[in-house]
Amino acid sequence: MISLIAAFLSQQQKNPAPVAQRPFGLEDKDILLYMEAIAKIRENASFLKADTTREQIVEESIRYYLSQKDPSSDYLNREEYRKFKSAQDDRYVGTGMEIKKERDGRILCVPYAGGPAAEAGIAVGDELKTIDDIPVRGKSVFAVASIARGKAGTEVDFVVLTKNGVEKQVKVRRSAVTLDSVSLVQLGETRVIKISWFTRDTKEKLRRVLQSWPSSQPIVIDLRGNAGGDLHAAIDSAMLFLAKGKRIVSIETRNRPKSYDSNAAAENENSPLYLWQDEATASAAEVFIAALSANGRAVSIGKRTFGKGTMQDIIELSDGSAIVLTTGRLKTPRGISYDGDGLAPTHTISGDTTVYLAKVEELMSLINKSRRSK
């Protein structure tokens, strides 16, 4: 990083270019001021260790700036980014868990229902403290994910702090998470469509289920524990229920806002539709719920969702490091941002919704009540 700045300054001194043509939109004085500040810090700061390099100060200043502006944005140095890329190798698998970084640096867990982390006892909202004795607070979610990934069959030790303030150690065996994105579950006399995760084949699987669905029977889609997945798969799946031209999601970006509308006729826009959600319903699953609820196509039931309404890009820098930037904020068809707040259900189901049969009667009562009120 420093050598890059030095090379740039050297070139500018030899061939000064007009301000409008200078790289990154910077004038010499901007870079010189930054370099001067770093030099004075290294010369005079009593808190600085003697062996602290200029590169370390640059890294920390970039990381601090990004973390103060946005909890999901971050900086990965060369080694962190190298490890992140290596961890994407097909030989490496995870523990079946999404993670979210809070503004105060805490890392929160959102395990997939039925995945290794959930089966080991990690719950939605638990704070992740350490992975194999490595503290994770303040680290990039990408760096944390890289530490958690490893070869299938190996174990990893997590220390988590529960919502009740109890710290516990959890051992999780890494394995490839192979969740069936769409399945049918029988709740008493009622069939429920379970979407565990949005993947490229979710729309087609959902379409096949709907083709054999009795027109007189209400459709209940269970999205509890659905931590998200492929954003575009969720958008495509929502189109199965929405008339052409209906807004699905808007993405607010700095340069050019994007929006996605249904581009085909709905395959089912008449059957009563109910969406079952909870605090672990996040990301792409929230896009699906917001699209159908805001357009009046579905009634949502359950608990307030997790509230992951942003998208991030990784931008590699010329020295091999990278910045993780939040480049878009997701909004409902009504233009409402829900990041950090989640989506409130139309009807709230209190208590433990993880037990299917105990909630069937209450769920169906709400469904029937909603149908009578239409």
Protein backbone atom coordinates (compact mmCIF):
# COMPACT_ATOMS: atom_id res chain seq x y z
CA MET A 1 0.00 0.00 0.00
CA ILE A 2 2.74 2.47 1.02
CA SER A 3 4.92 1.57 -1.96
CA LEU A 4 1.93 2.23 -4.18
CA ILE A 5 1.50 5.73 -2.72
CA ALA A 6 5.23 6.42 -2.95
CA ALA A 7 5.34 5.33 -6.58
CA PHE A 8 2.37 7.53 -7.36
CA LEU A 9 3.98 10.58 -5.71
CA SER A 10 7.26 9.98 -7.52
CA GLN A 11 5.49 9.80 -10.86
CA GLN A 12 3.46 12.93 -10.11
CA GLN A 13 6.58 14.91 -9.23
CA LYS A 14 8.18 13.95 -12.54
CA ASN A 15 5.10 14.50 -14.68
CA PRO A 16 2.50 16.53 -12.79
CA ALA A 17 -0.88 16.04 -14.43
CA PRO A 18 -3.87 18.39 -14.40
CA VAL A 19 -6.00 17.86 -11.31
CA ALA A 20 -8.89 16.51 -13.38
CA GLN A 21 -6.68 13.73 -14.78
CA ARG A 22 -5.11 12.54 -11.55
CA PRO A 23 -5.92 9.00 -10.35
CA PHE A 24 -8.59 8.42 -7.70
CA GLY A 25 -9.63 12.09 -7.88
CA LEU A 26 -6.82 13.07 -5.47
CA GLU A 27 -4.47 16.02 -5.56
CA ASP A 28 -0.85 15.73 -4.37
CA LYS A 29 -1.69 17.64 -1.16
CA ASP A 30 -4.24 14.99 -0.12
CA ILE A 31 -1.69 12.17 -0.24
CA LEU A 32 1.11 14.31 1.18
CA LEU A 33 -1.07 15.28 4.15
CA TYR A 34 -1.91 11.65 4.83
CA MET A 35 1.75 10.62 4.58
CA GLU A 36 2.78 13.51 6.83
CA ALA A 37 0.23 12.48 9.47
CA ILE A 38 1.51 8.90 9.44
CA ALA A 39 5.13 10.08 9.77
CA LYS A 40 4.27 12.32 12.75
CA ILE A 41 2.35 9.48 14.43
CA ARG A 42 5.32 7.13 14.05
CA GLU A 43 7.74 9.78 15.35
CA ASN A 44 5.79 11.08 18.32
CA ALA A 45 2.90 8.84 19.43
CA SER A 46 3.58 7.37 22.89
CA PHE A 47 0.96 4.66 22.39
CA LEU A 48 2.66 3.28 19.28
CA LYS A 49 4.93 0.25 19.48
CA ALA A 50 8.42 0.88 18.14
CA ASP A 51 8.13 -1.78 15.43
CA THR A 52 4.78 -0.53 14.02
CA THR A 53 5.08 -0.08 10.28
CA ARG A 54 3.52 2.52 8.05
CA GLU A 55 1.62 -0.25 6.30
CA GLN A 56 0.01 -1.32 9.58
CA ILE A 57 -1.14 2.23 10.27
CA VAL A 58 -2.61 2.50 6.76
CA GLU A 59 -4.44 -0.82 7.21
CA GLU A 60 -5.83 0.15 10.60
CA SER A 61 -6.93 3.60 9.43
CA ILE A 62 -8.81 2.15 6.44
CA ARG A 63 -10.40 -0.56 8.58
CA TYR A 64 -11.41 1.91 11.29
CA TYR A 65 -12.91 4.37 8.82
CA LEU A 66 -15.01 1.67 7.14
CA SER A 67 -16.19 0.14 10.41
CA GLN A 68 -17.27 3.52 11.75
CA LYS A 69 -19.31 4.27 8.64
CA ASP A 70 -20.91 0.86 8.14
CA PRO A 71 -20.73 -2.34 10.23
CA SER A 72 -20.80 -4.56 7.14
CA SER A 73 -17.94 -2.79 5.34
CA ASP A 74 -14.37 -3.78 6.13
CA TYR A 75 -10.78 -4.10 4.99
CA LEU A 76 -8.92 -7.37 4.41
CA ASN A 77 -5.15 -7.22 4.32
CA ARG A 78 -3.23 -9.38 1.86
CA GLU A 79 -3.01 -12.39 4.18
CA GLU A 80 -6.67 -12.19 5.26
CA TYR A 81 -7.83 -11.91 1.67
CA ARG A 82 -5.58 -14.79 0.59
CA LYS A 83 -7.07 -16.99 3.32
CA PHE A 84 -10.58 -15.94 2.33
CA LYS A 85 -9.99 -16.92 -1.30
CA SER A 86 -8.39 -20.21 -0.26
CA ALA A 87 -11.38 -21.01 1.93
CA GLN A 88 -13.64 -20.87 -1.13
CA ASP A 89 -11.98 -24.03 -2.45
CA ASP A 90 -14.47 -26.87 -2.95
CA ARG A 91 -12.48 -28.99 -0.48
CA TYR A 92 -13.42 -26.61 2.33
CA VAL A 93 -16.84 -26.56 3.96
CA GLY A 94 -18.45 -24.62 6.75
CA THR A 95 -20.62 -25.17 9.79
CA GLY A 96 -24.00 -24.23 8.32
CA MET A 97 -24.23 -20.72 9.69
CA GLU A 98 -24.58 -17.16 8.49
CA ILE A 99 -23.00 -14.42 10.60
CA LYS A 100 -23.75 -10.73 10.96
CA LYS A 101 -21.50 -7.97 12.28
CA GLU A 102 -23.08 -5.34 14.49
CA ARG A 103 -21.95 -1.71 14.62
CA ASP A 104 -20.23 -2.33 17.97
CA GLY A 105 -18.15 -5.13 16.42
CA ARG A 106 -20.09 -8.08 17.85
CA ILE A 107 -20.54 -11.08 15.55
CA LEU A 108 -24.03 -12.61 15.72
CA CYS A 109 -24.94 -16.15 14.63
CA VAL A 110 -27.74 -17.10 12.24
CA PRO A 111 -27.51 -20.90 11.89
CA TYR A 112 -29.36 -22.75 9.14
CA ALA A 113 -32.18 -24.89 10.45
CA GLY A 114 -30.96 -28.49 10.49
CA GLY A 115 -27.33 -27.49 9.81
CA PRO A 116 -24.28 -28.55 11.89
CA ALA A 117 -24.18 -25.34 14.00
CA ALA A 118 -27.89 -25.51 14.86
CA GLU A 119 -27.68 -29.22 15.67
CA ALA A 120 -24.74 -28.52 18.00
CA GLY A 121 -26.83 -26.03 19.97
CA ILE A 122 -26.00 -22.60 18.52
CA ALA A 123 -29.12 -20.41 18.38
CA VAL A 124 -30.10 -17.39 16.32
CA GLY A 125 -28.74 -14.22 17.91
CA ASP A 126 -25.99 -15.92 19.93
CA GLU A 127 -22.85 -13.77 19.95
CA LEU A 128 -19.80 -15.54 18.55
CA LYS A 129 -16.84 -14.85 20.82
CA THR A 130 -14.05 -17.12 19.59
CA ILE A 131 -13.30 -19.74 16.95
CA ASP A 132 -10.58 -22.19 18.03
CA ASP A 133 -9.52 -19.66 20.71
CA ILE A 134 -9.24 -16.84 18.14
CA PRO A 135 -11.28 -13.77 19.23
CA VAL A 136 -13.58 -12.62 16.42
CA ARG A 137 -15.11 -9.40 17.72
CA GLY A 138 -14.40 -6.57 15.30
CA LYS A 139 -13.18 -8.84 12.53
CA SER A 140 -14.67 -8.80 9.04
CA VAL A 141 -17.45 -11.36 8.51
CA PHE A 142 -15.38 -12.62 5.58
CA ALA A 143 -12.34 -13.14 7.80
CA VAL A 144 -14.49 -14.90 10.41
CA ALA A 145 -16.04 -17.14 7.76
CA SER A 146 -12.55 -18.06 6.53
CA ILE A 147 -11.52 -19.14 10.03
CA ALA A 148 -14.68 -21.23 10.44
CA ARG A 149 -14.29 -23.09 7.15
CA GLY A 150 -12.15 -26.19 6.83
CA LYS A 151 -12.06 -29.74 5.54
CA ALA A 152 -15.20 -31.85 5.88
CA GLY A 153 -15.22 -33.99 9.00
CA THR A 154 -12.90 -31.76 11.03
CA GLU A 155 -14.11 -30.14 14.22
CA VAL A 156 -14.07 -26.50 15.24
CA ASP A 157 -14.55 -25.04 18.73
CA PHE A 158 -16.88 -22.07 19.11
CA VAL A 159 -17.41 -20.00 22.23
CA VAL A 160 -20.74 -18.18 22.11
CA LEU A 161 -22.63 -15.87 24.44
CA THR A 162 -26.34 -16.68 24.51
CA LYS A 163 -29.12 -14.09 24.64
CA ASN A 164 -29.45 -14.97 28.34
CA GLY A 165 -25.85 -13.96 28.97
CA VAL A 166 -24.52 -17.49 29.37
CA GLU A 167 -21.14 -18.20 27.79
CA LYS A 168 -20.74 -21.72 26.47
CA GLN A 169 -18.32 -23.73 24.37
CA VAL A 170 -19.75 -25.57 21.39
CA LYS A 171 -17.92 -28.13 19.27
CA VAL A 172 -19.16 -28.29 15.66
CA ARG A 173 -18.18 -30.81 13.02
CA ARG A 174 -17.70 -29.22 9.60
CA SER A 175 -19.75 -30.78 6.82
CA ALA A 176 -21.19 -29.91 3.44
CA VAL A 177 -24.65 -28.48 4.05
CA THR A 178 -27.00 -30.13 1.60
CA LEU A 179 -30.43 -28.74 2.41
CA ASP A 180 -33.31 -29.51 0.09
CA SER A 181 -34.40 -26.01 -0.80
CA VAL A 182 -38.08 -26.98 -1.19
CA SER A 183 -39.89 -29.79 0.62
CA LEU A 184 -43.39 -30.69 1.83
CA VAL A 185 -44.17 -31.01 5.52
CA GLN A 186 -47.41 -32.40 6.95
CA LEU A 187 -48.83 -30.35 9.85
CA GLY A 188 -51.79 -32.31 11.12
CA GLU A 189 -54.28 -32.17 8.26
CA THR A 190 -52.42 -29.38 6.51
CA ARG A 191 -49.59 -29.61 3.97
CA VAL A 192 -46.94 -26.90 4.29
CA ILE A 193 -44.25 -25.96 1.75
CA LYS A 194 -40.89 -25.58 3.46
CA ILE A 195 -38.28 -23.37 1.77
CA SER A 196 -35.03 -23.91 3.68
CA TRP A 197 -32.70 -21.91 1.46
CA PHE A 198 -32.94 -20.06 -1.87
CA THR A 199 -30.85 -21.74 -4.57
CA ARG A 200 -30.84 -21.67 -8.35
CA ASP A 201 -33.32 -24.54 -8.51
CA THR A 202 -35.76 -23.21 -5.87
CA LYS A 203 -38.10 -21.60 -8.38
CA GLU A 204 -38.42 -24.76 -10.47
CA LYS A 205 -38.97 -26.97 -7.42
CA LEU A 206 -41.57 -24.57 -6.08
CA ARG A 207 -43.29 -24.47 -9.47
CA ARG A 208 -43.58 -28.27 -9.56
CA VAL A 209 -45.19 -28.31 -6.10
CA LEU A 210 -47.67 -25.59 -7.07
CA GLN A 211 -48.71 -27.40 -10.25
CA SER A 212 -50.26 -30.21 -8.19
CA TRP A 213 -51.64 -27.97 -5.45
CA PRO A 214 -55.47 -28.04 -5.08
CA SER A 215 -56.85 -24.62 -6.02
CA SER A 216 -59.18 -24.62 -3.00
CA GLN A 217 -56.40 -25.27 -0.49
CA PRO A 218 -54.54 -22.37 1.17
CA ILE A 219 -50.79 -22.28 0.52
CA VAL A 220 -48.61 -22.05 3.62
CA ILE A 221 -44.90 -21.46 2.99
CA ASP A 222 -42.63 -22.04 5.96
CA LEU A 223 -39.60 -19.72 5.88
CA ARG A 224 -38.56 -20.13 9.51
CA GLY A 225 -34.83 -20.59 9.81
CA ASN A 226 -34.29 -19.61 6.17
CA ALA A 227 -31.13 -17.50 6.39
CA GLY A 228 -31.33 -16.41 2.75
CA GLY A 229 -29.22 -17.69 -0.09
CA ASP A 230 -29.36 -16.53 -3.70
CA LEU A 231 -31.03 -13.11 -3.98
CA HIS A 232 -32.03 -13.66 -7.60
CA ALA A 233 -33.50 -17.06 -6.75
CA ALA A 234 -35.77 -15.35 -4.20
CA ILE A 235 -36.77 -12.73 -6.77
CA ASP A 236 -37.57 -15.39 -9.37
CA SER A 237 -39.55 -17.44 -6.84
CA ALA A 238 -41.66 -14.42 -5.89
CA MET A 239 -42.61 -14.02 -9.56
CA LEU A 240 -44.57 -17.27 -9.37
CA PHE A 241 -47.18 -15.45 -7.29
CA LEU A 242 -47.11 -11.87 -8.65
CA ALA A 243 -48.73 -10.35 -11.72
CA LYS A 244 -46.42 -8.97 -14.38
CA GLY A 245 -45.08 -5.51 -13.57
CA LYS A 246 -45.35 -5.81 -9.79
CA ARG A 247 -42.34 -4.46 -7.90
CA ILE A 248 -40.36 -7.14 -6.01
CA VAL A 249 -37.40 -5.27 -4.52
CA SER A 250 -35.51 -2.01 -4.91
CA ILE A 251 -31.77 -1.70 -4.31
CA GLU A 252 -30.57 1.74 -3.33
CA THR A 253 -27.04 2.28 -4.60
CA ARG A 254 -24.81 5.33 -4.72
CA ASN A 255 -24.71 5.59 -8.49
CA ARG A 256 -27.71 3.97 -10.11
CA PRO A 257 -30.62 2.58 -8.06
CA LYS A 258 -31.85 -0.81 -9.26
CA SER A 259 -35.26 -2.36 -9.07
CA TYR A 260 -36.65 -5.75 -9.98
CA ASP A 261 -40.22 -6.25 -11.15
CA SER A 262 -42.11 -9.40 -12.03
CA ASN A 263 -41.56 -9.98 -15.75
CA ALA A 264 -44.00 -12.82 -16.38
CA ALA A 265 -47.57 -13.79 -15.61
CA ALA A 266 -48.05 -15.38 -12.19
CA GLU A 267 -48.54 -19.12 -12.09
CA ASN A 268 -50.66 -18.82 -8.96
CA GLU A 269 -52.19 -15.51 -7.99
CA ASN A 270 -55.50 -16.71 -6.53
CA SER A 271 -54.91 -19.30 -3.81
CA PRO A 272 -54.77 -17.80 -0.30
CA LEU A 273 -51.07 -17.48 0.57
CA TYR A 274 -49.53 -17.43 4.05
CA LEU A 275 -45.86 -16.98 4.88
CA TRP A 276 -44.49 -18.34 8.16
CA GLN A 277 -41.46 -16.40 9.45
CA ASP A 278 -39.30 -16.10 12.56
CA GLU A 279 -36.25 -14.27 13.90
CA ALA A 280 -33.93 -16.49 11.83
CA THR A 281 -35.63 -15.58 8.55
CA ALA A 282 -33.10 -13.31 6.83
CA SER A 283 -31.62 -11.79 3.69
CA ALA A 284 -33.07 -13.27 0.46
CA ALA A 285 -35.95 -14.83 2.44
CA GLU A 286 -36.90 -11.35 3.66
CA VAL A 287 -36.93 -10.12 0.05
CA PHE A 288 -39.37 -12.92 -0.81
CA ILE A 289 -41.65 -12.08 2.13
CA ALA A 290 -41.56 -8.32 1.55
CA ALA A 291 -42.39 -8.73 -2.15
CA LEU A 292 -45.49 -10.84 -1.52
CA SER A 293 -46.70 -9.04 1.61
CA ALA A 294 -46.28 -5.48 0.34
CA ASN A 295 -48.12 -6.32 -2.87
CA GLY A 296 -51.04 -7.70 -0.88
CA ARG A 297 -50.50 -11.20 -2.24
CA ALA A 298 -49.68 -12.90 1.07
CA VAL A 299 -50.33 -12.68 4.79
CA SER A 300 -47.26 -13.13 7.00
CA ILE A 301 -47.42 -15.04 10.27
CA GLY A 302 -44.90 -15.64 13.05
CA LYS A 303 -42.21 -13.34 14.46
CA ARG A 304 -40.25 -10.30 13.29
CA THR A 305 -37.49 -11.34 10.88
CA PHE A 306 -33.74 -10.92 11.41
CA GLY A 307 -33.24 -7.73 9.38
CA LYS A 308 -30.43 -8.28 6.86
CA GLY A 309 -31.22 -5.74 4.17
CA THR A 310 -27.88 -4.84 2.59
CA MET A 311 -25.61 -6.27 -0.09
CA GLN A 312 -21.81 -6.24 -0.13
CA ASP A 313 -19.14 -6.41 -2.84
CA ILE A 314 -15.47 -7.37 -2.42
CA ILE A 315 -13.17 -5.04 -4.36
CA GLU A 316 -9.59 -6.24 -4.76
CA LEU A 317 -6.86 -3.61 -4.49
CA SER A 318 -3.63 -3.51 -6.47
CA ASP A 319 -1.43 -4.74 -3.61
CA GLY A 320 -3.47 -7.92 -3.07
CA SER A 321 -5.59 -6.60 -0.22
CA ALA A 322 -9.31 -5.92 -0.58
CA ILE A 323 -12.10 -3.74 0.73
CA VAL A 324 -15.55 -5.07 1.53
CA LEU A 325 -18.12 -2.40 0.76
CA THR A 326 -21.84 -2.22 1.33
CA THR A 327 -22.92 -1.16 -2.15
CA GLY A 328 -26.67 -1.45 -1.86
CA ARG A 329 -29.55 -1.27 0.60
CA LEU A 330 -32.61 -3.39 -0.03
CA LYS A 331 -36.05 -1.83 0.15
CA THR A 332 -39.53 -3.31 0.05
CA PRO A 333 -41.88 -2.59 -2.88
CA ARG A 334 -43.20 0.29 -0.76
CA GLY A 335 -39.71 1.79 -0.47
CA ILE A 336 -39.15 0.82 3.16
CA SER A 337 -35.66 -0.12 4.38
CA TYR A 338 -35.64 -2.93 6.97
CA ASP A 339 -31.95 -3.53 7.61
CA GLY A 340 -31.45 -3.92 11.35
CA ASP A 341 -35.20 -3.76 12.01
CA GLY A 342 -36.58 -6.81 10.24
CA LEU A 343 -40.08 -7.32 8.87
CA ALA A 344 -42.99 -7.46 11.27
CA PRO A 345 -45.56 -10.20 10.55
CA THR A 346 -49.19 -9.44 9.81
CA HIS A 347 -50.10 -11.80 12.67
CA THR A 348 -47.73 -12.55 15.54
CA ILE A 349 -47.34 -16.05 16.99
CA SER A 350 -45.82 -15.84 20.45
CA GLY A 351 -43.68 -18.43 22.15
CA ASP A 352 -41.57 -21.19 20.64
CA THR A 353 -42.43 -21.65 16.97
CA THR A 354 -39.80 -24.33 16.45
CA VAL A 355 -42.25 -27.01 17.59
CA TYR A 356 -44.46 -27.79 14.61
CA LEU A 357 -47.46 -29.58 16.04
CA ALA A 358 -47.81 -27.36 19.11
CA LYS A 359 -48.47 -24.38 16.83
CA VAL A 360 -50.60 -25.95 14.11
CA GLU A 361 -53.91 -25.10 15.77
CA GLU A 362 -52.89 -21.49 16.40
CA LEU A 363 -51.50 -21.11 12.89
CA MET A 364 -54.59 -22.50 11.19
CA SER A 365 -56.84 -20.39 13.40
CA LEU A 366 -55.03 -17.27 12.20
CA ILE A 367 -55.23 -18.44 8.59
CA ASN A 368 -58.97 -19.05 8.83
CA LYS A 369 -59.47 -15.72 10.58
CA SER A 370 -57.60 -13.95 7.79
CA ARG A 371 -59.67 -15.70 5.12
CA ARG A 372 -62.96 -14.73 6.79
CA SER A 373 -61.91 -11.09 7.05
CA LYS A 374 -61.33 -10.79 3.29
